[in-house]
Amino acid sequence: MAKKSIQVYFIIIVRITPVNFNRVLPNYQQKSVLPEKYDLEIFDRDIIQKDLNTEPIKVYASNALAFGSSHYGDGNVLKELLAYKIPDIYSGIIMINPKELEYLLASKAFSQPIVSVIASIQHLEKSMLPTEKKVFRLIKNAAKNAPQKYLDQIISKLYPEHYELLMAQQRPIFDELRRLAKQMPLEQQEEFNRFMQVIDTKLNNKMQVVPFSAKEFRYKLQRIEERISRKKVKSEQKAMQQLVAVSYELSDSKSLISQATAKNSKKTKRELVARGLLVYNANILRKMSEMLVNSPLKDDKELNDLLYNAKAGVYGIPMAYRFGRKSFIHNLQKITDKLQDQKLAHKMIQTARQLPTSRESVSAFIVKTAFCSPEKIGYELLYPSLGTIEHLQPTKSGGPNTLDNMALASKALNNERAHRTFERQLTLYPETYENCQKYADRLIQLYKSGVFRKVGLSKWYIINFARKMSKMSPKSKPLILDLKKLH
């Protein structure tokens, strides 16, 4: 990528009076307002209002390039079988065909009154993983007394109770981390205590300034892109790809700032670098806002929230930020990586990993999705059960991207396995023995009914899958599949 030349401008300091940005937040969260005596050295009131208020902005031509979607080669043939009720090789659930979720998103099925939402996805309840299934049942119970409410309103109503339940689940884990932190050297203890002060602020929905992180922003943007891609709406996909492309212009790097700015004797080099980086990232975020306002995605709540929060971080505006388990562990590891006592570092990270996830805890799921759009909540209910291509030998471990190294597994369990060996997977999920047989039995039925010929598969896929399972399983307890019905 070509280096960009950055120009840094010095602007007279302006004292800004309180500005209400008209952001709608939950009743128990405070609105984001600029404090009475807030000095902002770069941006004046008009710029902030223009950036943070949802007024139409003229879009300028962008040279952003669209990213192509990834493919699995022969795996696309295998994915055609998801239309025929295929069980997950790990859990045995009948996986959801991604095309069905695409249809629900494209038809805005989740944006209808809750009684209609339930009718649209009731037949998928058996395919939901345990936590999502429990959440769906809570939604159905709540809908009995409010059939015309919307999905986000139902989740918001459940939030207060489950927020308290989640806090009760998390508290002992945070207490244990604080106890372990007392074994750290003084310098790391102080860093940990400052870190936990920020975490307590998030957990209690208090206002704080969270510095902008380009890396974290791109990660969240790519998660949204994944959701948008499921809808198969080309105009939205193209708009999203352009936003992602532009996001790669954002930077956390100080090296982008011109060394020439250091000649100003009135400001230290560090101050100039920080100011220049702030201006640079703010301009890129403004460019993305201009693109969004004039795109088919202009009403996407999650996208608008992400850009709003990013600008608040750049401008240093206090807001109520929500706790995120994944980012907590990531930032904790930055502290523990400095420890010489590796046993202590490992124990602290393993303790942090005990924090409930939205995959394991109903309360964590509800708190995570509270005040998201109905479309996002519906997506989170079904997304873990989507059928995906699973590389039996992970590609990171040298596994080929070929059909004989592929099977179908649910998105959640595919992600959870990550790069774990299949032998280790069988130890952690012994039910895989039984569920792989269910998978093979269903494939044999589809082969005999002519579905394999229709999608372009031969019976050798089933034979090779059985051989692979036997080869990758432990010799002490091999996974031997019964293929008698195939012959």
Protein backbone atom coordinates (compact mmCIF):
# COMPACT_ATOMS: atom_id res chain seq x y z
CA MET A 1 0.00 0.00 0.00
CA ALA A 2 1.38 3.40 -0.93
CA LYS A 3 2.40 5.63 1.94
CA LYS A 4 0.11 8.55 2.58
CA SER A 5 1.39 12.02 3.25
CA ILE A 6 -0.37 13.57 6.22
CA GLN A 7 -0.78 17.27 6.71
CA VAL A 8 -1.28 18.49 10.26
CA TYR A 9 -3.08 21.77 10.84
CA PHE A 10 -2.93 23.82 14.01
CA ILE A 11 -6.23 25.34 15.00
CA ILE A 12 -6.93 27.84 17.76
CA ILE A 13 -8.26 26.15 20.89
CA VAL A 14 -12.01 26.52 21.19
CA ARG A 15 -13.91 25.97 24.42
CA ILE A 16 -17.07 24.05 23.59
CA THR A 17 -20.35 24.44 25.38
CA PRO A 18 -22.40 21.34 26.19
CA VAL A 19 -23.75 19.60 23.11
CA ASN A 20 -26.52 17.02 23.24
CA PHE A 21 -25.99 14.67 20.34
CA ASN A 22 -29.56 13.32 20.45
CA ARG A 23 -28.36 9.74 20.70
CA VAL A 24 -31.08 7.37 21.89
CA LEU A 25 -29.75 5.11 24.65
CA PRO A 26 -31.50 2.78 27.12
CA ASN A 27 -33.27 4.52 29.98
CA TYR A 28 -30.73 3.26 32.50
CA GLN A 29 -27.78 4.58 30.45
CA GLN A 30 -26.77 8.21 30.41
CA LYS A 31 -26.82 10.23 27.22
CA SER A 32 -23.53 11.22 25.65
CA VAL A 33 -22.96 14.92 26.23
CA LEU A 34 -19.86 17.06 26.11
CA PRO A 35 -18.88 18.19 29.63
CA GLU A 36 -19.24 21.85 30.66
CA LYS A 37 -15.49 22.53 30.52
CA TYR A 38 -14.34 20.29 27.74
CA ASP A 39 -11.37 21.47 25.66
CA LEU A 40 -11.05 20.02 22.19
CA GLU A 41 -7.98 21.32 20.41
CA ILE A 42 -8.72 20.12 16.91
CA PHE A 43 -12.42 20.13 16.18
CA ASP A 44 -15.01 22.83 16.73
CA ARG A 45 -18.69 22.43 17.53
CA ASP A 46 -19.88 22.45 13.93
CA ILE A 47 -17.54 19.63 12.94
CA ILE A 48 -18.62 17.45 15.87
CA GLN A 49 -22.30 18.10 15.28
CA LYS A 50 -21.92 17.37 11.59
CA ASP A 51 -20.13 14.13 12.36
CA LEU A 52 -22.25 12.84 15.22
CA ASN A 53 -25.72 13.97 14.18
CA THR A 54 -27.53 11.96 11.55
CA GLU A 55 -27.81 14.70 8.94
CA PRO A 56 -27.43 13.87 5.24
CA ILE A 57 -23.89 14.52 4.06
CA LYS A 58 -22.83 14.88 0.47
CA VAL A 59 -20.82 11.84 -0.57
CA TYR A 60 -17.56 12.21 -2.44
CA ALA A 61 -16.14 9.78 -4.96
CA SER A 62 -14.21 6.97 -3.28
CA ASN A 63 -11.43 4.92 -4.75
CA ALA A 64 -12.24 2.02 -2.41
CA LEU A 65 -11.85 -1.42 -3.95
CA ALA A 66 -14.41 -4.17 -3.34
CA PHE A 67 -13.10 -7.34 -1.75
CA GLY A 68 -14.12 -10.64 -3.34
CA SER A 69 -15.83 -13.23 -1.18
CA SER A 70 -13.92 -16.35 -0.20
CA HIS A 71 -14.75 -19.76 -1.65
CA TYR A 72 -14.09 -23.32 -0.57
CA GLY A 73 -13.66 -24.81 -4.04
CA ASP A 74 -15.21 -28.28 -4.00
CA GLY A 75 -16.77 -27.42 -0.66
CA ASN A 76 -19.44 -25.38 -2.44
CA VAL A 77 -20.77 -28.67 -3.86
CA LEU A 78 -20.91 -30.11 -0.35
CA LYS A 79 -22.79 -27.07 0.94
CA GLU A 80 -25.60 -27.84 -1.51
CA LEU A 81 -26.50 -30.76 0.77
CA LEU A 82 -27.52 -28.32 3.53
CA ALA A 83 -30.87 -28.00 1.80
CA TYR A 84 -31.54 -31.66 2.76
CA LYS A 85 -31.43 -31.68 6.58
CA ILE A 86 -27.84 -32.66 7.33
CA PRO A 87 -26.81 -33.37 10.97
CA ASP A 88 -23.78 -31.62 12.46
CA ILE A 89 -20.87 -34.07 12.85
CA TYR A 90 -20.24 -32.78 16.40
CA SER A 91 -23.65 -32.07 17.94
CA GLY A 92 -26.00 -34.06 15.71
CA ILE A 93 -28.43 -31.13 15.29
CA ILE A 94 -29.97 -30.62 11.86
CA MET A 95 -28.06 -27.60 10.62
CA ILE A 96 -29.72 -24.51 9.16
CA ASN A 97 -29.17 -23.87 5.48
CA PRO A 98 -27.47 -20.43 5.15
CA LYS A 99 -29.81 -19.68 2.25
CA GLU A 100 -32.75 -19.82 4.64
CA LEU A 101 -31.19 -17.20 6.91
CA GLU A 102 -30.37 -15.10 3.83
CA TYR A 103 -34.04 -15.19 2.86
CA LEU A 104 -35.21 -14.22 6.36
CA LEU A 105 -32.83 -11.25 6.43
CA ALA A 106 -33.63 -10.11 2.89
CA SER A 107 -37.39 -10.30 3.54
CA LYS A 108 -36.98 -8.38 6.85
CA ALA A 109 -38.78 -11.20 8.66
CA PHE A 110 -37.18 -10.25 12.00
CA SER A 111 -38.49 -6.69 11.76
CA GLN A 112 -42.13 -7.82 11.95
CA PRO A 113 -44.19 -8.00 15.18
CA ILE A 114 -42.93 -10.79 17.42
CA VAL A 115 -45.90 -13.06 16.69
CA SER A 116 -44.88 -13.05 13.01
CA VAL A 117 -41.20 -13.59 13.84
CA ILE A 118 -42.05 -16.66 15.90
CA ALA A 119 -44.19 -18.07 13.11
CA SER A 120 -41.34 -17.51 10.62
CA ILE A 121 -38.66 -19.36 12.60
CA GLN A 122 -40.65 -21.81 14.75
CA HIS A 123 -39.67 -24.69 12.44
CA LEU A 124 -35.98 -23.93 13.11
CA GLU A 125 -36.22 -24.27 16.89
CA LYS A 126 -34.97 -27.87 16.82
CA SER A 127 -31.89 -26.70 14.96
CA MET A 128 -30.97 -24.06 17.52
CA LEU A 129 -28.11 -24.82 19.87
CA PRO A 130 -29.04 -25.15 23.60
CA THR A 131 -28.52 -21.52 24.68
CA GLU A 132 -30.25 -20.02 21.65
CA LYS A 133 -33.11 -22.48 22.09
CA LYS A 134 -33.60 -21.35 25.71
CA VAL A 135 -33.57 -17.70 24.64
CA PHE A 136 -36.14 -18.42 21.94
CA ARG A 137 -38.42 -20.04 24.51
CA LEU A 138 -38.11 -16.99 26.76
CA ILE A 139 -39.03 -14.83 23.77
CA LYS A 140 -42.08 -16.98 23.06
CA ASN A 141 -43.24 -16.78 26.66
CA ALA A 142 -42.81 -13.00 26.73
CA ALA A 143 -44.66 -12.69 23.42
CA LYS A 144 -47.82 -14.29 24.83
CA ASN A 145 -48.66 -11.05 26.62
CA ALA A 146 -47.30 -8.73 23.93
CA PRO A 147 -47.81 -10.29 20.48
CA GLN A 148 -47.48 -6.95 18.66
CA LYS A 149 -44.19 -5.99 20.31
CA TYR A 150 -40.98 -6.26 18.30
CA LEU A 151 -38.04 -8.57 18.89
CA ASP A 152 -35.76 -5.82 20.22
CA GLN A 153 -38.48 -4.65 22.62
CA ILE A 154 -38.90 -8.17 24.00
CA ILE A 155 -35.14 -8.55 24.57
CA SER A 156 -34.97 -5.08 26.16
CA LYS A 157 -37.69 -6.10 28.60
CA LEU A 158 -35.70 -9.20 29.57
CA TYR A 159 -32.48 -7.22 29.97
CA PRO A 160 -32.68 -5.86 33.57
CA GLU A 161 -33.23 -9.28 35.17
CA HIS A 162 -30.54 -10.99 33.09
CA TYR A 163 -28.09 -8.13 33.57
CA GLU A 164 -28.23 -8.78 37.32
CA LEU A 165 -27.92 -12.54 36.79
CA LEU A 166 -24.89 -12.08 34.55
CA MET A 167 -23.23 -9.73 37.03
CA ALA A 168 -23.70 -12.39 39.73
CA GLN A 169 -22.06 -14.99 37.46
CA GLN A 170 -19.13 -12.71 36.64
CA ARG A 171 -18.43 -11.31 40.12
CA PRO A 172 -16.62 -14.38 41.61
CA ILE A 173 -14.38 -14.57 38.54
CA PHE A 174 -13.37 -10.90 38.79
CA ASP A 175 -12.75 -11.38 42.53
CA GLU A 176 -10.45 -14.32 41.79
CA LEU A 177 -8.55 -12.27 39.20
CA ARG A 178 -8.04 -9.49 41.75
CA ARG A 179 -6.74 -12.04 44.26
CA LEU A 180 -4.29 -13.46 41.71
CA ALA A 181 -3.18 -9.97 40.69
CA LYS A 182 -1.79 -9.41 44.19
CA GLN A 183 0.97 -11.88 43.27
CA MET A 184 2.12 -9.62 40.42
CA PRO A 185 5.08 -7.25 40.66
CA LEU A 186 4.02 -3.78 41.78
CA GLU A 187 4.23 -2.25 38.29
CA GLN A 188 1.91 -4.87 36.76
CA GLN A 189 -0.41 -4.65 39.78
CA GLU A 190 -0.87 -0.93 39.19
CA GLU A 191 -1.50 -1.51 35.48
CA PHE A 192 -4.03 -4.24 36.30
CA ASN A 193 -5.83 -2.01 38.82
CA ARG A 194 -6.13 0.81 36.27
CA PHE A 195 -7.46 -1.70 33.75
CA MET A 196 -10.06 -3.01 36.20
CA GLN A 197 -11.21 0.52 36.98
CA VAL A 198 -12.11 0.89 33.30
CA ILE A 199 -13.85 -2.51 33.35
CA ASP A 200 -15.89 -1.56 36.44
CA THR A 201 -16.98 1.59 34.63
CA LYS A 202 -18.23 -0.50 31.71
CA LEU A 203 -19.96 -3.07 33.91
CA ASN A 204 -21.85 -0.32 35.74
CA ASN A 205 -22.82 1.58 32.56
CA LYS A 206 -20.89 4.68 33.64
CA MET A 207 -19.57 7.31 31.27
CA GLN A 208 -15.97 7.04 30.13
CA VAL A 209 -13.66 7.92 27.26
CA VAL A 210 -12.40 4.86 25.37
CA PRO A 211 -9.57 5.64 22.90
CA PHE A 212 -10.23 4.61 19.32
CA SER A 213 -8.61 1.36 18.11
CA ALA A 214 -8.40 0.84 14.34
CA LYS A 215 -7.78 -2.90 14.80
CA GLU A 216 -10.85 -3.41 16.99
CA PHE A 217 -12.96 -1.23 14.69
CA ARG A 218 -12.03 -3.33 11.63
CA TYR A 219 -12.78 -6.55 13.49
CA LYS A 220 -16.30 -5.36 14.35
CA LEU A 221 -16.83 -4.03 10.83
CA GLN A 222 -15.89 -7.40 9.33
CA ARG A 223 -18.38 -9.14 11.63
CA ILE A 224 -21.09 -6.84 10.26
CA GLU A 225 -19.90 -7.59 6.72
CA GLU A 226 -20.35 -11.29 7.42
CA ARG A 227 -23.95 -10.65 8.46
CA ILE A 228 -24.67 -8.45 5.46
CA SER A 229 -23.22 -11.03 3.07
CA ARG A 230 -25.83 -13.55 4.25
CA LYS A 231 -28.61 -11.39 2.84
CA LYS A 232 -27.30 -11.77 -0.72
CA VAL A 233 -28.41 -8.23 -1.59
CA LYS A 234 -25.76 -7.14 -4.09
CA SER A 235 -26.15 -3.40 -3.53
CA GLU A 236 -25.70 -3.85 0.23
CA GLN A 237 -22.79 -6.25 -0.22
CA LYS A 238 -21.02 -3.80 -2.50
CA ALA A 239 -21.56 -0.90 -0.08
CA MET A 240 -20.24 -3.02 2.78
CA GLN A 241 -17.17 -4.12 0.84
CA GLN A 242 -16.36 -0.50 0.08
CA LEU A 243 -16.64 0.44 3.76
CA VAL A 244 -14.33 -2.42 4.75
CA ALA A 245 -11.82 -1.39 2.09
CA VAL A 246 -11.74 2.19 3.35
CA SER A 247 -11.35 0.98 6.95
CA TYR A 248 -7.89 -0.32 6.04
CA GLU A 249 -6.80 3.30 5.69
CA LEU A 250 -7.33 3.74 9.46
CA SER A 251 -4.27 3.37 11.62
CA ASP A 252 -3.05 3.01 15.18
CA SER A 253 0.48 3.67 13.93
CA LYS A 254 2.32 6.84 14.86
CA SER A 255 4.66 6.38 11.89
CA LEU A 256 2.04 7.90 9.61
CA ILE A 257 2.69 11.38 10.97
CA SER A 258 5.12 13.52 9.04
CA GLN A 259 8.40 14.07 10.81
CA ALA A 260 8.31 17.64 9.61
CA THR A 261 5.77 18.49 12.28
CA ALA A 262 8.42 17.92 14.94
CA LYS A 263 10.04 21.23 13.95
CA ASN A 264 7.38 23.15 15.87
CA SER A 265 9.18 23.96 19.12
CA LYS A 266 5.99 24.79 21.03
CA LYS A 267 4.71 21.22 20.94
CA THR A 268 6.46 18.01 21.80
CA LYS A 269 6.83 15.37 19.13
CA ARG A 270 4.51 13.07 21.06
CA GLU A 271 1.73 15.68 21.15
CA LEU A 272 2.11 16.35 17.45
CA VAL A 273 1.96 12.65 16.62
CA ALA A 274 -1.19 12.17 18.69
CA ARG A 275 -2.87 15.21 17.16
CA GLY A 276 -1.94 14.26 13.62
CA LEU A 277 -3.17 10.68 14.07
CA LEU A 278 -6.42 11.98 15.56
CA VAL A 279 -7.03 14.25 12.55
CA TYR A 280 -6.11 11.49 10.12
CA ASN A 281 -8.44 8.84 11.61
CA ALA A 282 -11.28 11.36 12.07
CA ASN A 283 -11.13 12.22 8.37
CA ILE A 284 -11.28 8.54 7.37
CA LEU A 285 -14.26 7.93 9.69
CA ARG A 286 -16.00 10.99 8.27
CA LYS A 287 -15.43 9.64 4.78
CA MET A 288 -17.02 6.33 5.83
CA SER A 289 -20.01 8.16 7.30
CA GLU A 290 -20.52 10.02 4.05
CA MET A 291 -20.46 6.72 2.17
CA LEU A 292 -22.90 5.11 4.62
CA VAL A 293 -25.46 7.93 4.58
CA ASN A 294 -25.79 7.62 0.81
CA SER A 295 -25.76 3.82 0.66
CA PRO A 296 -28.47 1.13 0.93
CA LEU A 297 -27.14 0.45 4.45
CA LYS A 298 -27.89 3.93 5.79
CA ASP A 299 -30.54 2.57 8.21
CA ASP A 300 -28.43 -0.32 9.55
CA LYS A 301 -28.40 0.32 13.32
CA GLU A 302 -25.29 -1.72 14.09
CA LEU A 303 -23.24 0.06 11.43
CA ASN A 304 -24.39 3.49 12.54
CA ASP A 305 -23.66 2.65 16.17
CA LEU A 306 -20.19 1.39 15.32
CA LEU A 307 -19.27 4.56 13.43
CA TYR A 308 -20.79 6.77 16.13
CA ASN A 309 -18.80 5.04 18.88
CA ALA A 310 -15.62 5.16 16.81
CA LYS A 311 -15.95 8.93 16.38
CA ALA A 312 -16.64 9.34 20.09
CA GLY A 313 -13.39 7.48 20.77
CA VAL A 314 -11.44 9.66 18.34
CA TYR A 315 -12.90 12.90 19.71
CA GLY A 316 -12.48 11.78 23.33
CA ILE A 317 -16.17 12.09 24.15
CA PRO A 318 -17.36 10.23 27.29
CA MET A 319 -19.95 7.54 26.60
CA ALA A 320 -21.42 4.48 28.29
CA TYR A 321 -19.58 1.53 26.75
CA ARG A 322 -20.58 -2.06 27.28
CA PHE A 323 -18.33 -4.81 28.59
CA GLY A 324 -17.02 -7.30 26.04
CA ARG A 325 -15.60 -10.64 27.19
CA LYS A 326 -13.35 -11.15 24.18
CA SER A 327 -11.76 -7.70 24.34
CA PHE A 328 -11.37 -8.07 28.13
CA ILE A 329 -9.32 -11.26 27.74
CA HIS A 330 -7.31 -9.72 24.89
CA ASN A 331 -6.39 -6.65 26.96
CA LEU A 332 -5.71 -8.70 30.09
CA GLN A 333 -3.26 -10.81 28.10
CA LYS A 334 -1.33 -7.66 27.18
CA ILE A 335 -0.69 -7.22 30.92
CA THR A 336 0.04 -10.87 31.75
CA ASP A 337 2.44 -11.20 28.80
CA LYS A 338 4.81 -8.91 30.73
CA LEU A 339 4.98 -11.31 33.69
CA GLN A 340 8.03 -13.49 34.25
CA ASP A 341 5.86 -15.88 36.24
CA GLN A 342 4.29 -17.77 33.34
CA LYS A 343 2.25 -20.02 35.65
CA LEU A 344 0.55 -16.98 37.15
CA ALA A 345 -0.02 -15.47 33.69
CA HIS A 346 -1.57 -18.73 32.45
CA LYS A 347 -3.76 -19.06 35.55
CA MET A 348 -5.10 -15.51 35.17
CA ILE A 349 -6.02 -16.01 31.52
CA GLN A 350 -7.63 -19.38 32.25
CA THR A 351 -9.63 -17.74 35.05
CA ALA A 352 -10.77 -14.96 32.70
CA ARG A 353 -11.90 -17.57 30.18
CA GLN A 354 -14.41 -18.78 32.78
CA LEU A 355 -16.44 -15.62 32.20
CA PRO A 356 -19.80 -16.63 30.68
CA THR A 357 -20.11 -16.42 26.91
CA SER A 358 -23.28 -15.78 24.92
CA ARG A 359 -22.91 -19.35 23.63
CA GLU A 360 -23.07 -20.82 27.13
CA SER A 361 -25.21 -18.38 29.12
CA VAL A 362 -28.74 -17.21 28.40
CA SER A 363 -28.11 -14.06 30.43
CA ALA A 364 -24.91 -13.30 28.49
CA PHE A 365 -26.81 -13.71 25.22
CA ILE A 366 -29.57 -11.33 26.29
CA VAL A 367 -27.15 -8.71 27.64
CA LYS A 368 -25.05 -8.94 24.46
CA THR A 369 -28.02 -8.45 22.13
CA ALA A 370 -29.99 -5.97 24.24
CA PHE A 371 -30.78 -2.85 22.21
CA CYS A 372 -29.53 -4.36 18.98
CA SER A 373 -31.82 -4.18 15.97
CA PRO A 374 -34.43 -6.96 15.53
CA GLU A 375 -32.48 -8.11 12.46
CA LYS A 376 -29.28 -8.48 14.48
CA ILE A 377 -31.03 -10.38 17.30
CA GLY A 378 -32.65 -12.80 14.85
CA TYR A 379 -29.30 -13.31 13.17
CA GLU A 380 -27.62 -14.14 16.50
CA LEU A 381 -30.34 -16.71 17.30
CA LEU A 382 -29.79 -18.68 14.09
CA TYR A 383 -26.18 -17.95 13.13
CA PRO A 384 -24.55 -20.54 15.47
CA SER A 385 -26.58 -23.34 13.84
CA LEU A 386 -25.68 -22.51 10.25
CA GLY A 387 -24.07 -25.32 8.30
CA THR A 388 -20.46 -24.58 7.34
CA ILE A 389 -17.49 -26.30 5.76
CA GLU A 390 -15.30 -27.94 8.41
CA HIS A 391 -11.73 -28.88 7.52
CA LEU A 392 -11.19 -32.20 9.29
CA GLN A 393 -7.46 -31.58 9.37
CA PRO A 394 -7.16 -27.81 9.93
CA THR A 395 -5.56 -25.94 7.04
CA LYS A 396 -3.25 -24.26 9.56
CA SER A 397 -1.88 -27.72 10.35
CA GLY A 398 -1.32 -28.52 6.69
CA GLY A 399 -4.76 -29.87 5.88
CA PRO A 400 -5.66 -29.57 2.18
CA ASN A 401 -8.55 -27.47 0.93
CA THR A 402 -10.03 -30.47 -0.88
CA LEU A 403 -13.28 -32.37 -0.64
CA ASP A 404 -11.78 -35.43 1.07
CA ASN A 405 -10.71 -33.17 3.97
CA MET A 406 -14.14 -31.57 4.39
CA ALA A 407 -17.36 -32.24 6.26
CA LEU A 408 -20.32 -30.15 7.39
CA ALA A 409 -20.49 -28.72 10.91
CA SER A 410 -22.42 -25.96 12.66
CA LYS A 411 -20.83 -22.52 12.65
CA ALA A 412 -20.51 -22.34 16.44
CA LEU A 413 -18.81 -25.72 16.90
CA ASN A 414 -16.64 -25.20 13.83
CA ASN A 415 -15.40 -21.91 15.33
CA GLU A 416 -15.04 -23.42 18.79
CA ARG A 417 -12.82 -26.24 17.51
CA ALA A 418 -10.57 -23.75 15.69
CA HIS A 419 -7.19 -25.49 15.07
CA ARG A 420 -7.66 -28.27 17.62
CA THR A 421 -6.66 -31.75 16.41
CA PHE A 422 -9.51 -34.12 15.61
CA GLU A 423 -8.18 -36.58 18.19
CA ARG A 424 -8.45 -33.89 20.86
CA GLN A 425 -11.92 -32.97 19.58
CA LEU A 426 -13.10 -36.54 20.09
CA THR A 427 -11.82 -36.43 23.68
CA LEU A 428 -13.70 -33.21 24.44
CA TYR A 429 -16.83 -34.17 22.48
CA PRO A 430 -17.17 -38.00 22.70
CA GLU A 431 -20.68 -37.71 21.25
CA THR A 432 -18.90 -37.01 17.93
CA TYR A 433 -18.55 -40.79 17.49
CA GLU A 434 -22.30 -41.22 17.39
CA ASN A 435 -22.99 -38.02 15.43
CA CYS A 436 -20.50 -38.84 12.67
CA GLN A 437 -22.44 -42.06 12.14
CA LYS A 438 -25.67 -40.04 11.88
CA TYR A 439 -23.94 -37.82 9.33
CA ALA A 440 -22.81 -40.84 7.28
CA ASP A 441 -26.27 -42.46 7.47
CA ARG A 442 -27.91 -39.29 6.15
CA LEU A 443 -25.38 -39.01 3.33
CA ILE A 444 -26.12 -42.60 2.31
CA GLN A 445 -29.86 -41.81 2.19
CA LEU A 446 -29.22 -38.80 -0.03
CA TYR A 447 -26.93 -40.81 -2.29
CA LYS A 448 -29.55 -43.52 -2.76
CA SER A 449 -32.33 -40.99 -3.40
CA GLY A 450 -30.36 -39.34 -6.24
CA VAL A 451 -29.47 -36.10 -4.44
CA PHE A 452 -25.71 -36.76 -4.80
CA ARG A 453 -26.03 -36.99 -8.55
CA LYS A 454 -28.14 -33.83 -8.58
CA VAL A 455 -25.50 -31.75 -6.77
CA GLY A 456 -22.48 -33.40 -8.41
CA LEU A 457 -21.16 -35.71 -5.66
CA SER A 458 -20.21 -39.38 -5.87
CA LYS A 459 -20.42 -42.11 -3.25
CA TRP A 460 -16.65 -41.88 -2.89
CA TYR A 461 -17.11 -38.80 -0.75
CA ILE A 462 -18.82 -40.99 1.88
CA ILE A 463 -16.16 -43.70 1.64
CA ASN A 464 -13.33 -41.18 1.90
CA PHE A 465 -15.01 -39.49 4.88
CA ALA A 466 -15.17 -42.82 6.72
CA ARG A 467 -11.50 -43.52 5.97
CA LYS A 468 -10.52 -40.06 7.18
CA MET A 469 -12.40 -40.52 10.45
CA SER A 470 -10.66 -43.83 11.10
CA LYS A 471 -7.24 -42.39 10.29
CA MET A 472 -7.63 -39.21 12.42
CA SER A 473 -9.16 -40.84 15.50
CA PRO A 474 -7.03 -42.34 18.32
CA LYS A 475 -5.81 -45.91 17.77
CA SER A 476 -7.01 -46.81 21.24
CA LYS A 477 -10.56 -45.87 20.28
CA PRO A 478 -10.92 -45.52 16.49
CA LEU A 479 -13.98 -43.96 14.90
CA ILE A 480 -15.22 -46.74 12.63
CA LEU A 481 -18.27 -45.87 10.56
CA ASP A 482 -20.74 -48.49 9.41
CA LEU A 483 -21.31 -48.08 5.64
CA LYS A 484 -23.15 -51.37 5.02
CA LYS A 485 -26.24 -49.50 3.80
CA LEU A 486 -24.19 -47.85 1.07
CA HIS A 487 -23.58 -51.14 -0.79
